[in-house]
């Protein structure tokens, strides 16, 4: 969890902040792509930075996306887009992501970094609560399979 920019260990799994910091410094941060680091640092300045995805969780997400060979994903609750960028970097070039968040302002923090990464075309962002978008997707399943731009 990020607490106003400071990563905190999971109290159930890791009993020591020192151990968690050691893991981050030796295993997680060295493997974190530069643009994800840039987005993490931009997110740390936000007053609700604790909503952000931790880099260790992001690396687990990347592994899972590759293992299941994900091509189309839905992300409800994007915040500044750290996990969204992780996803976009780890799905194929023709992959698609439907991203939903009520706070476009927070998403705009990460949007330039996502664009710099060259994966913005994979993302269809909806400024909305999640349920209306999911309801629309269920109504238009055949359209989604063909082209997500038709959902709007």
C-alpha atoms as a PDB file:
ATOM      1  CA  UNK A   1       0.000   0.000   0.000  1.00  0.00           C
ATOM      2  CA  UNK A   2       1.220   3.522  -0.693  1.00  0.00           C
ATOM      3  CA  UNK A   3       0.626   5.941   2.164  1.00  0.00           C
ATOM      4  CA  UNK A   4       1.064   9.438   0.777  1.00  0.00           C
ATOM      5  CA  UNK A   5       3.915   8.328  -1.417  1.00  0.00           C
ATOM      6  CA  UNK A   6       5.521   5.894   1.039  1.00  0.00           C
ATOM      7  CA  UNK A   7       5.207   2.171   0.376  1.00  0.00           C
ATOM      8  CA  UNK A   8       4.108   0.102   3.332  1.00  0.00           C
ATOM      9  CA  UNK A   9       4.522  -3.661   3.738  1.00  0.00           C
ATOM     10  CA  UNK A  10       1.517  -5.931   3.913  1.00  0.00           C
ATOM     11  CA  UNK A  11       1.262  -6.645   7.664  1.00  0.00           C
ATOM     12  CA  UNK A  12      -0.030 -10.170   7.055  1.00  0.00           C
ATOM     13  CA  UNK A  13       2.677 -11.342   4.672  1.00  0.00           C
ATOM     14  CA  UNK A  14       5.710  -9.302   5.694  1.00  0.00           C
ATOM     15  CA  UNK A  15       6.204  -8.528   9.338  1.00  0.00           C
ATOM     16  CA  UNK A  16       9.065  -6.128   8.783  1.00  0.00           C
ATOM     17  CA  UNK A  17       9.242  -2.836   6.907  1.00  0.00           C
ATOM     18  CA  UNK A  18      13.000  -3.404   6.567  1.00  0.00           C
ATOM     19  CA  UNK A  19      12.429  -6.730   4.793  1.00  0.00           C
ATOM     20  CA  UNK A  20       9.875  -5.155   2.474  1.00  0.00           C
ATOM     21  CA  UNK A  21      12.252  -2.313   1.607  1.00  0.00           C
ATOM     22  CA  UNK A  22      15.035  -4.832   0.968  1.00  0.00           C
ATOM     23  CA  UNK A  23      12.796  -6.758  -1.438  1.00  0.00           C
ATOM     24  CA  UNK A  24      11.824  -3.542  -3.229  1.00  0.00           C
ATOM     25  CA  UNK A  25      15.410  -2.321  -3.542  1.00  0.00           C
ATOM     26  CA  UNK A  26      16.946  -5.620  -4.660  1.00  0.00           C
ATOM     27  CA  UNK A  27      14.192  -7.289  -6.681  1.00  0.00           C
ATOM     28  CA  UNK A  28      11.358  -4.951  -7.588  1.00  0.00           C
ATOM     29  CA  UNK A  29      12.793  -1.517  -8.415  1.00  0.00           C
ATOM     30  CA  UNK A  30      15.634  -2.842 -10.616  1.00  0.00           C
ATOM     31  CA  UNK A  31      13.033  -4.617 -12.802  1.00  0.00           C
ATOM     32  CA  UNK A  32      10.573  -1.725 -12.958  1.00  0.00           C
ATOM     33  CA  UNK A  33      10.492  -0.144 -16.429  1.00  0.00           C
ATOM     34  CA  UNK A  34      11.506   3.528 -16.516  1.00  0.00           C
ATOM     35  CA  UNK A  35       8.064   4.785 -17.558  1.00  0.00           C
ATOM     36  CA  UNK A  36       6.368   2.854 -14.753  1.00  0.00           C
ATOM     37  CA  UNK A  37       8.820   4.389 -12.299  1.00  0.00           C
ATOM     38  CA  UNK A  38       8.014   7.826 -13.714  1.00  0.00           C
ATOM     39  CA  UNK A  39       4.288   7.180 -13.266  1.00  0.00           C
ATOM     40  CA  UNK A  40       4.787   5.827  -9.736  1.00  0.00           C
ATOM     41  CA  UNK A  41       6.714   8.981  -8.799  1.00  0.00           C
ATOM     42  CA  UNK A  42       4.053  11.231 -10.350  1.00  0.00           C
ATOM     43  CA  UNK A  43       1.360   9.322  -8.441  1.00  0.00           C
ATOM     44  CA  UNK A  44       3.261   9.695  -5.150  1.00  0.00           C
ATOM     45  CA  UNK A  45       2.641  13.459  -5.295  1.00  0.00           C
ATOM     46  CA  UNK A  46      -1.145  12.991  -5.377  1.00  0.00           C
ATOM     47  CA  UNK A  47      -2.999  13.394  -2.049  1.00  0.00           C
ATOM     48  CA  UNK A  48      -4.667  10.003  -2.597  1.00  0.00           C
ATOM     49  CA  UNK A  49      -1.459   8.249  -3.626  1.00  0.00           C
ATOM     50  CA  UNK A  50      -2.446   5.292  -1.443  1.00  0.00           C
ATOM     51  CA  UNK A  51      -4.879   4.307  -4.243  1.00  0.00           C
ATOM     52  CA  UNK A  52      -1.910   3.565  -6.500  1.00  0.00           C
ATOM     53  CA  UNK A  53      -0.709   0.111  -7.417  1.00  0.00           C
ATOM     54  CA  UNK A  54       2.517  -0.958  -5.732  1.00  0.00           C
ATOM     55  CA  UNK A  55       5.306  -1.916  -8.135  1.00  0.00           C
ATOM     56  CA  UNK A  56       5.545  -5.439  -6.710  1.00  0.00           C
ATOM     57  CA  UNK A  57       1.835  -5.958  -7.380  1.00  0.00           C
ATOM     58  CA  UNK A  58       2.366  -4.523 -10.859  1.00  0.00           C
ATOM     59  CA  UNK A  59       5.075  -7.069 -11.573  1.00  0.00           C
ATOM     60  CA  UNK A  60       2.801  -9.885 -10.407  1.00  0.00           C
ATOM     61  CA  UNK A  61       0.065  -8.523 -12.678  1.00  0.00           C
ATOM     62  CA  UNK A  62       2.497  -8.474 -15.616  1.00  0.00           C
ATOM     63  CA  UNK A  63       3.425 -12.100 -14.967  1.00  0.00           C
ATOM     64  CA  UNK A  64      -0.230 -13.173 -14.784  1.00  0.00           C
ATOM     65  CA  UNK A  65      -1.123 -11.306 -17.989  1.00  0.00           C
ATOM     66  CA  UNK A  66       1.677 -13.101 -19.811  1.00  0.00           C
ATOM     67  CA  UNK A  67       0.789 -16.495 -18.319  1.00  0.00           C
ATOM     68  CA  UNK A  68      -2.815 -16.327 -19.491  1.00  0.00           C
ATOM     69  CA  UNK A  69      -1.900 -14.639 -22.769  1.00  0.00           C
ATOM     70  CA  UNK A  70      -4.427 -11.877 -22.108  1.00  0.00           C
ATOM     71  CA  UNK A  71      -5.535  -9.825 -25.079  1.00  0.00           C
ATOM     72  CA  UNK A  72      -8.614  -7.944 -23.886  1.00  0.00           C
ATOM     73  CA  UNK A  73      -9.018  -6.619 -20.362  1.00  0.00           C
ATOM     74  CA  UNK A  74     -11.305  -4.392 -18.328  1.00  0.00           C
ATOM     75  CA  UNK A  75      -9.980  -2.189 -15.559  1.00  0.00           C
ATOM     76  CA  UNK A  76     -12.502  -0.644 -13.188  1.00  0.00           C
ATOM     77  CA  UNK A  77     -10.823   2.030 -11.094  1.00  0.00           C
ATOM     78  CA  UNK A  78      -7.851   3.371 -13.018  1.00  0.00           C
ATOM     79  CA  UNK A  79      -6.664   6.215 -10.758  1.00  0.00           C
ATOM     80  CA  UNK A  80      -3.432   7.525 -12.364  1.00  0.00           C
ATOM     81  CA  UNK A  81      -3.014   4.440 -14.524  1.00  0.00           C
ATOM     82  CA  UNK A  82      -0.064   2.468 -13.102  1.00  0.00           C
ATOM     83  CA  UNK A  83      -1.738  -0.935 -13.434  1.00  0.00           C
ATOM     84  CA  UNK A  84      -3.312   0.242 -16.688  1.00  0.00           C
ATOM     85  CA  UNK A  85       0.156   0.941 -18.083  1.00  0.00           C
ATOM     86  CA  UNK A  86       1.410  -2.409 -16.759  1.00  0.00           C
ATOM     87  CA  UNK A  87      -1.454  -4.104 -18.583  1.00  0.00           C
ATOM     88  CA  UNK A  88      -0.959  -2.166 -21.811  1.00  0.00           C
ATOM     89  CA  UNK A  89       2.747  -2.997 -21.848  1.00  0.00           C
ATOM     90  CA  UNK A  90       2.076  -6.701 -21.334  1.00  0.00           C
ATOM     91  CA  UNK A  91      -0.714  -7.465 -23.780  1.00  0.00           C
ATOM     92  CA  UNK A  92      -0.156  -7.906 -27.523  1.00  0.00           C
ATOM     93  CA  UNK A  93       0.007  -4.953 -29.927  1.00  0.00           C
ATOM     94  CA  UNK A  94      -3.580  -5.636 -31.010  1.00  0.00           C
ATOM     95  CA  UNK A  95      -4.772  -5.977 -27.399  1.00  0.00           C
ATOM     96  CA  UNK A  96      -7.567  -3.826 -26.027  1.00  0.00           C
ATOM     97  CA  UNK A  97      -8.290  -2.405 -22.589  1.00  0.00           C
ATOM     98  CA  UNK A  98     -11.509  -0.859 -21.408  1.00  0.00           C
ATOM     99  CA  UNK A  99     -10.555   1.485 -18.576  1.00  0.00           C
ATOM    100  CA  UNK A 100     -13.219   3.009 -16.335  1.00  0.00           C
ATOM    101  CA  UNK A 101     -12.841   5.636 -13.632  1.00  0.00           C
ATOM    102  CA  UNK A 102     -14.977   8.442 -12.248  1.00  0.00           C
ATOM    103  CA  UNK A 103     -11.971  10.739 -11.927  1.00  0.00           C
ATOM    104  CA  UNK A 104     -10.560  11.798 -15.287  1.00  0.00           C
ATOM    105  CA  UNK A 105      -8.305  14.322 -13.529  1.00  0.00           C
ATOM    106  CA  UNK A 106      -6.347  11.539 -11.793  1.00  0.00           C
ATOM    107  CA  UNK A 107      -6.178   9.569 -15.050  1.00  0.00           C
ATOM    108  CA  UNK A 108      -4.749  12.625 -16.817  1.00  0.00           C
ATOM    109  CA  UNK A 109      -1.704  12.480 -14.504  1.00  0.00           C
ATOM    110  CA  UNK A 110      -0.666   9.229 -16.118  1.00  0.00           C
ATOM    111  CA  UNK A 111      -2.031   9.818 -19.638  1.00  0.00           C
ATOM    112  CA  UNK A 112       1.100  11.585 -20.978  1.00  0.00           C
ATOM    113  CA  UNK A 113       3.307   8.771 -19.665  1.00  0.00           C
ATOM    114  CA  UNK A 114       1.008   6.156 -21.195  1.00  0.00           C
ATOM    115  CA  UNK A 115       1.203   8.040 -24.488  1.00  0.00           C
ATOM    116  CA  UNK A 116       4.999   8.264 -24.202  1.00  0.00           C
ATOM    117  CA  UNK A 117       5.042   4.466 -23.802  1.00  0.00           C
ATOM    118  CA  UNK A 118       3.214   4.183 -27.125  1.00  0.00           C
ATOM    119  CA  UNK A 119       0.397   2.033 -25.780  1.00  0.00           C
ATOM    120  CA  UNK A 120      -2.395   4.626 -25.579  1.00  0.00           C
ATOM    121  CA  UNK A 121      -4.136   3.194 -28.668  1.00  0.00           C
ATOM    122  CA  UNK A 122      -4.854  -0.008 -26.754  1.00  0.00           C
ATOM    123  CA  UNK A 123      -6.877   1.917 -24.159  1.00  0.00           C
ATOM    124  CA  UNK A 124     -10.497   3.053 -24.312  1.00  0.00           C
ATOM    125  CA  UNK A 125     -11.028   5.264 -21.261  1.00  0.00           C
ATOM    126  CA  UNK A 126     -14.549   5.872 -19.952  1.00  0.00           C
ATOM    127  CA  UNK A 127     -15.161   8.551 -17.341  1.00  0.00           C
ATOM    128  CA  UNK A 128     -17.973   6.810 -15.540  1.00  0.00           C
ATOM    129  CA  UNK A 129     -18.892   4.572 -12.694  1.00  0.00           C
ATOM    130  CA  UNK A 130     -18.204   0.953 -13.479  1.00  0.00           C
ATOM    131  CA  UNK A 131     -21.682  -0.580 -13.579  1.00  0.00           C
ATOM    132  CA  UNK A 132     -23.108   1.544 -16.428  1.00  0.00           C
ATOM    133  CA  UNK A 133     -20.122   0.697 -18.624  1.00  0.00           C
ATOM    134  CA  UNK A 134     -20.326  -2.999 -17.747  1.00  0.00           C
ATOM    135  CA  UNK A 135     -24.085  -2.971 -18.482  1.00  0.00           C
ATOM    136  CA  UNK A 136     -23.398  -1.374 -21.867  1.00  0.00           C
ATOM    137  CA  UNK A 137     -20.708  -3.964 -22.599  1.00  0.00           C
ATOM    138  CA  UNK A 138     -23.139  -6.779 -21.818  1.00  0.00           C
ATOM    139  CA  UNK A 139     -25.714  -5.257 -24.178  1.00  0.00           C
ATOM    140  CA  UNK A 140     -23.145  -4.817 -26.946  1.00  0.00           C
ATOM    141  CA  UNK A 141     -20.999  -7.935 -26.548  1.00  0.00           C
ATOM    142  CA  UNK A 142     -20.870  -8.583 -30.293  1.00  0.00           C
ATOM    143  CA  UNK A 143     -19.801  -4.986 -30.944  1.00  0.00           C
ATOM    144  CA  UNK A 144     -17.084  -5.248 -28.304  1.00  0.00           C
ATOM    145  CA  UNK A 145     -15.711  -8.363 -29.939  1.00  0.00           C
ATOM    146  CA  UNK A 146     -15.521  -6.531 -33.248  1.00  0.00           C
ATOM    147  CA  UNK A 147     -14.352  -3.079 -32.186  1.00  0.00           C
ATOM    148  CA  UNK A 148     -14.385  -1.438 -28.766  1.00  0.00           C
ATOM    149  CA  UNK A 149     -14.707   2.051 -30.270  1.00  0.00           C
ATOM    150  CA  UNK A 150     -18.301   1.165 -31.193  1.00  0.00           C
ATOM    151  CA  UNK A 151     -19.346   0.810 -27.548  1.00  0.00           C
ATOM    152  CA  UNK A 152     -19.481   4.524 -26.924  1.00  0.00           C
END
